[in-house]
């Protein structure tokens, strides 16, 4: 099987792809949580913990682009 990927080349396209991918991951995580065999209250606590951790990681994550300047992937509130 051969798979061909056509990735965006513009900054706007890359940002849109990143946003779409983040939405996909979030929806997938919610589906996994819904299927867990535990009470809703426990699922909500788990979701809150995941969101808190993701925000902390996003605040700390800084990547260097090709020119060497810093690029923040996410601004979380």
N, C-alpha and C. Protein backbone atom coordinates (compact mmCIF):
# COMPACT_ATOMS: atom_id res chain seq x y z
N UNK A 1 0.84 -1.17 0.00
CA UNK A 1 0.00 0.00 0.00
C UNK A 1 0.89 1.24 0.00
N UNK A 2 0.58 2.17 -0.84
CA UNK A 2 1.30 3.43 -0.90
C UNK A 2 0.38 4.54 -0.41
N UNK A 3 0.95 5.43 0.37
CA UNK A 3 0.21 6.57 0.89
C UNK A 3 0.96 7.84 0.50
N UNK A 4 0.24 8.78 -0.04
CA UNK A 4 0.84 10.05 -0.44
C UNK A 4 0.24 11.15 0.43
N UNK A 5 1.10 11.96 1.00
CA UNK A 5 0.65 13.09 1.81
C UNK A 5 0.99 14.38 1.09
N UNK A 6 0.04 15.25 1.02
CA UNK A 6 0.26 16.58 0.46
C UNK A 6 0.08 17.57 1.60
N UNK A 7 1.17 17.94 2.23
CA UNK A 7 1.13 18.83 3.37
C UNK A 7 1.10 20.28 2.92
N UNK A 8 0.47 21.13 3.70
CA UNK A 8 0.41 22.55 3.33
C UNK A 8 1.79 23.19 3.38
N UNK A 9 2.00 24.16 2.53
CA UNK A 9 3.29 24.85 2.46
C UNK A 9 3.22 26.25 3.04
N UNK A 10 2.05 26.83 3.08
CA UNK A 10 1.92 28.19 3.62
C UNK A 10 1.71 28.13 5.12
N UNK A 11 2.04 29.22 5.78
CA UNK A 11 1.84 29.29 7.23
C UNK A 11 0.36 29.18 7.58
N UNK A 12 -0.49 29.80 6.76
CA UNK A 12 -1.93 29.73 7.00
C UNK A 12 -2.41 28.28 6.86
N UNK A 13 -1.94 27.59 5.85
CA UNK A 13 -2.32 26.20 5.65
C UNK A 13 -1.84 25.31 6.78
N UNK A 14 -0.63 25.55 7.25
CA UNK A 14 -0.09 24.77 8.37
C UNK A 14 -0.90 25.02 9.64
N UNK A 15 -1.28 26.28 9.85
CA UNK A 15 -2.09 26.61 11.03
C UNK A 15 -3.46 25.95 10.96
N UNK A 16 -4.07 25.94 9.79
CA UNK A 16 -5.37 25.30 9.62
C UNK A 16 -5.26 23.80 9.85
N UNK A 17 -4.21 23.18 9.34
CA UNK A 17 -4.00 21.75 9.55
C UNK A 17 -3.81 21.45 11.03
N UNK A 18 -3.03 22.26 11.71
CA UNK A 18 -2.80 22.06 13.15
C UNK A 18 -4.11 22.17 13.93
N UNK A 19 -4.94 23.14 13.55
CA UNK A 19 -6.23 23.32 14.22
C UNK A 19 -7.15 22.13 13.96
N UNK A 20 -7.20 21.68 12.72
CA UNK A 20 -8.04 20.52 12.38
C UNK A 20 -7.57 19.27 13.11
N UNK A 21 -6.27 19.09 13.21
CA UNK A 21 -5.72 17.93 13.89
C UNK A 21 -6.02 18.00 15.39
N UNK A 22 -5.91 19.18 15.97
CA UNK A 22 -6.24 19.34 17.39
C UNK A 22 -7.71 19.02 17.65
N UNK A 23 -8.58 19.45 16.77
CA UNK A 23 -10.00 19.15 16.91
C UNK A 23 -10.25 17.65 16.80
N UNK A 24 -9.59 17.00 15.85
CA UNK A 24 -9.73 15.55 15.71
C UNK A 24 -9.29 14.84 16.99
N UNK A 25 -8.15 15.23 17.53
CA UNK A 25 -7.65 14.60 18.76
C UNK A 25 -8.62 14.81 19.92
N UNK A 26 -9.16 16.01 20.04
CA UNK A 26 -10.10 16.31 21.12
C UNK A 26 -11.37 15.46 20.99
N UNK A 27 -11.90 15.36 19.78
CA UNK A 27 -13.11 14.55 19.57
C UNK A 27 -12.84 13.08 19.86
N UNK A 28 -11.67 12.61 19.47
CA UNK A 28 -11.31 11.21 19.71
C UNK A 28 -11.17 10.95 21.22
N UNK A 29 -10.58 11.87 21.94
CA UNK A 29 -10.42 11.74 23.39
C UNK A 29 -11.78 11.69 24.08
N UNK A 30 -12.71 12.51 23.64
CA UNK A 30 -14.06 12.51 24.22
C UNK A 30 -14.75 11.18 23.96
N UNK A 31 -14.60 10.64 22.77
CA UNK A 31 -15.20 9.34 22.46
C UNK A 31 -14.63 8.24 23.35
N UNK A 32 -13.33 8.28 23.57
CA UNK A 32 -12.70 7.28 24.45
C UNK A 32 -13.24 7.42 25.87
N UNK A 33 -13.37 8.67 26.34
CA UNK A 33 -13.91 8.90 27.69
C UNK A 33 -15.34 8.39 27.81
N UNK A 34 -16.14 8.62 26.80
CA UNK A 34 -17.55 8.18 26.84
C UNK A 34 -17.66 6.66 26.98
N UNK A 35 -16.72 5.94 26.42
CA UNK A 35 -16.77 4.48 26.43
C UNK A 35 -16.22 3.86 27.70
N UNK A 36 -15.59 4.67 28.55
CA UNK A 36 -15.03 4.11 29.78
C UNK A 36 -16.14 3.61 30.71
N UNK A 37 -15.91 2.47 31.37
CA UNK A 37 -16.92 1.90 32.26
C UNK A 37 -16.82 2.48 33.68
N UNK A 38 -17.00 3.80 33.79
CA UNK A 38 -16.95 4.44 35.10
C UNK A 38 -18.01 5.54 35.13
N UNK A 39 -18.32 6.04 36.32
CA UNK A 39 -19.36 7.07 36.45
C UNK A 39 -18.99 8.36 35.71
N UNK A 40 -20.00 9.10 35.30
CA UNK A 40 -19.80 10.36 34.58
C UNK A 40 -18.94 11.33 35.37
N UNK A 41 -19.15 11.40 36.68
CA UNK A 41 -18.37 12.31 37.51
C UNK A 41 -16.87 11.99 37.41
N UNK A 42 -16.54 10.73 37.41
CA UNK A 42 -15.14 10.32 37.29
C UNK A 42 -14.59 10.67 35.90
N UNK A 43 -15.41 10.51 34.88
CA UNK A 43 -14.99 10.87 33.52
C UNK A 43 -14.71 12.36 33.42
N UNK A 44 -15.56 13.18 34.06
CA UNK A 44 -15.36 14.63 34.03
C UNK A 44 -14.07 15.02 34.74
N UNK A 45 -13.78 14.37 35.87
CA UNK A 45 -12.53 14.66 36.58
C UNK A 45 -11.33 14.29 35.72
N UNK A 46 -11.41 13.18 35.03
CA UNK A 46 -10.33 12.76 34.16
C UNK A 46 -10.15 13.76 33.02
N UNK A 47 -11.25 14.19 32.43
CA UNK A 47 -11.19 15.17 31.34
C UNK A 47 -10.56 16.48 31.82
N UNK A 48 -10.97 16.94 32.99
CA UNK A 48 -10.39 18.17 33.55
C UNK A 48 -8.89 18.03 33.76
N UNK A 49 -8.45 16.87 34.23
CA UNK A 49 -7.02 16.63 34.44
C UNK A 49 -6.26 16.63 33.12
N UNK A 50 -6.85 16.03 32.10
CA UNK A 50 -6.22 15.98 30.78
C UNK A 50 -6.10 17.39 30.20
N UNK A 51 -7.15 18.17 30.29
CA UNK A 51 -7.14 19.54 29.77
C UNK A 51 -6.11 20.38 30.52
N UNK A 52 -6.07 20.26 31.84
CA UNK A 52 -5.10 21.02 32.63
C UNK A 52 -3.66 20.66 32.22
N UNK A 53 -3.39 19.37 32.07
CA UNK A 53 -2.06 18.93 31.67
C UNK A 53 -1.71 19.42 30.27
N UNK A 54 -2.66 19.34 29.35
CA UNK A 54 -2.42 19.79 27.97
C UNK A 54 -2.11 21.28 27.93
N UNK A 55 -2.82 22.06 28.73
CA UNK A 55 -2.56 23.51 28.76
C UNK A 55 -1.17 23.81 29.30
N UNK A 56 -0.78 23.08 30.34
CA UNK A 56 0.55 23.30 30.92
C UNK A 56 1.64 22.93 29.91
N UNK A 57 1.44 21.83 29.22
CA UNK A 57 2.42 21.42 28.22
C UNK A 57 2.49 22.41 27.06
N UNK A 58 1.33 22.91 26.63
CA UNK A 58 1.30 23.85 25.50
C UNK A 58 1.98 25.16 25.88
N UNK A 59 1.83 25.60 27.10
CA UNK A 59 2.48 26.84 27.54
C UNK A 59 3.99 26.69 27.54
N UNK A 60 4.46 25.50 27.85
CA UNK A 60 5.89 25.27 27.96
C UNK A 60 6.55 24.91 26.64
N UNK A 61 5.75 24.55 25.64
CA UNK A 61 6.30 24.05 24.38
C UNK A 61 6.67 25.19 23.44
N UNK A 62 7.90 25.26 23.12
CA UNK A 62 8.39 26.27 22.19
C UNK A 62 9.24 25.54 21.17
N UNK A 63 9.01 25.82 19.91
CA UNK A 63 9.78 25.18 18.85
C UNK A 63 10.56 26.23 18.07
N UNK A 64 11.64 25.81 17.54
CA UNK A 64 12.45 26.69 16.71
C UNK A 64 12.07 26.45 15.25
N UNK A 65 11.85 27.51 14.51
CA UNK A 65 11.61 27.34 13.09
C UNK A 65 12.95 27.41 12.35
N UNK A 66 12.94 27.32 11.06
CA UNK A 66 14.17 27.24 10.28
C UNK A 66 15.07 28.46 10.45
N UNK A 67 14.49 29.61 10.70
CA UNK A 67 15.32 30.81 10.85
C UNK A 67 15.88 30.92 12.26
N UNK A 68 15.48 30.02 13.16
CA UNK A 68 16.01 30.01 14.51
C UNK A 68 15.18 30.82 15.50
N UNK A 69 14.15 31.49 15.03
CA UNK A 69 13.32 32.24 15.97
C UNK A 69 12.33 31.30 16.66
N UNK A 70 11.85 31.72 17.80
CA UNK A 70 10.94 30.87 18.56
C UNK A 70 9.53 30.97 17.98
N UNK A 71 8.84 29.85 17.98
CA UNK A 71 7.47 29.79 17.47
C UNK A 71 6.63 29.11 18.54
N UNK A 72 5.69 29.84 19.12
CA UNK A 72 4.80 29.27 20.12
C UNK A 72 3.66 28.58 19.39
N UNK A 73 3.42 27.31 19.74
CA UNK A 73 2.40 26.53 19.06
C UNK A 73 1.00 26.88 19.52
N UNK A 74 0.87 27.31 20.74
CA UNK A 74 -0.47 27.49 21.28
C UNK A 74 -0.44 28.59 22.34
N UNK A 75 -1.44 29.40 22.35
CA UNK A 75 -1.61 30.34 23.44
C UNK A 75 -2.84 29.89 24.22
N UNK A 76 -2.63 29.43 25.41
CA UNK A 76 -3.72 28.92 26.24
C UNK A 76 -4.08 29.95 27.31
N UNK A 77 -5.32 29.97 27.68
CA UNK A 77 -5.79 30.92 28.69
C UNK A 77 -5.71 30.31 30.06
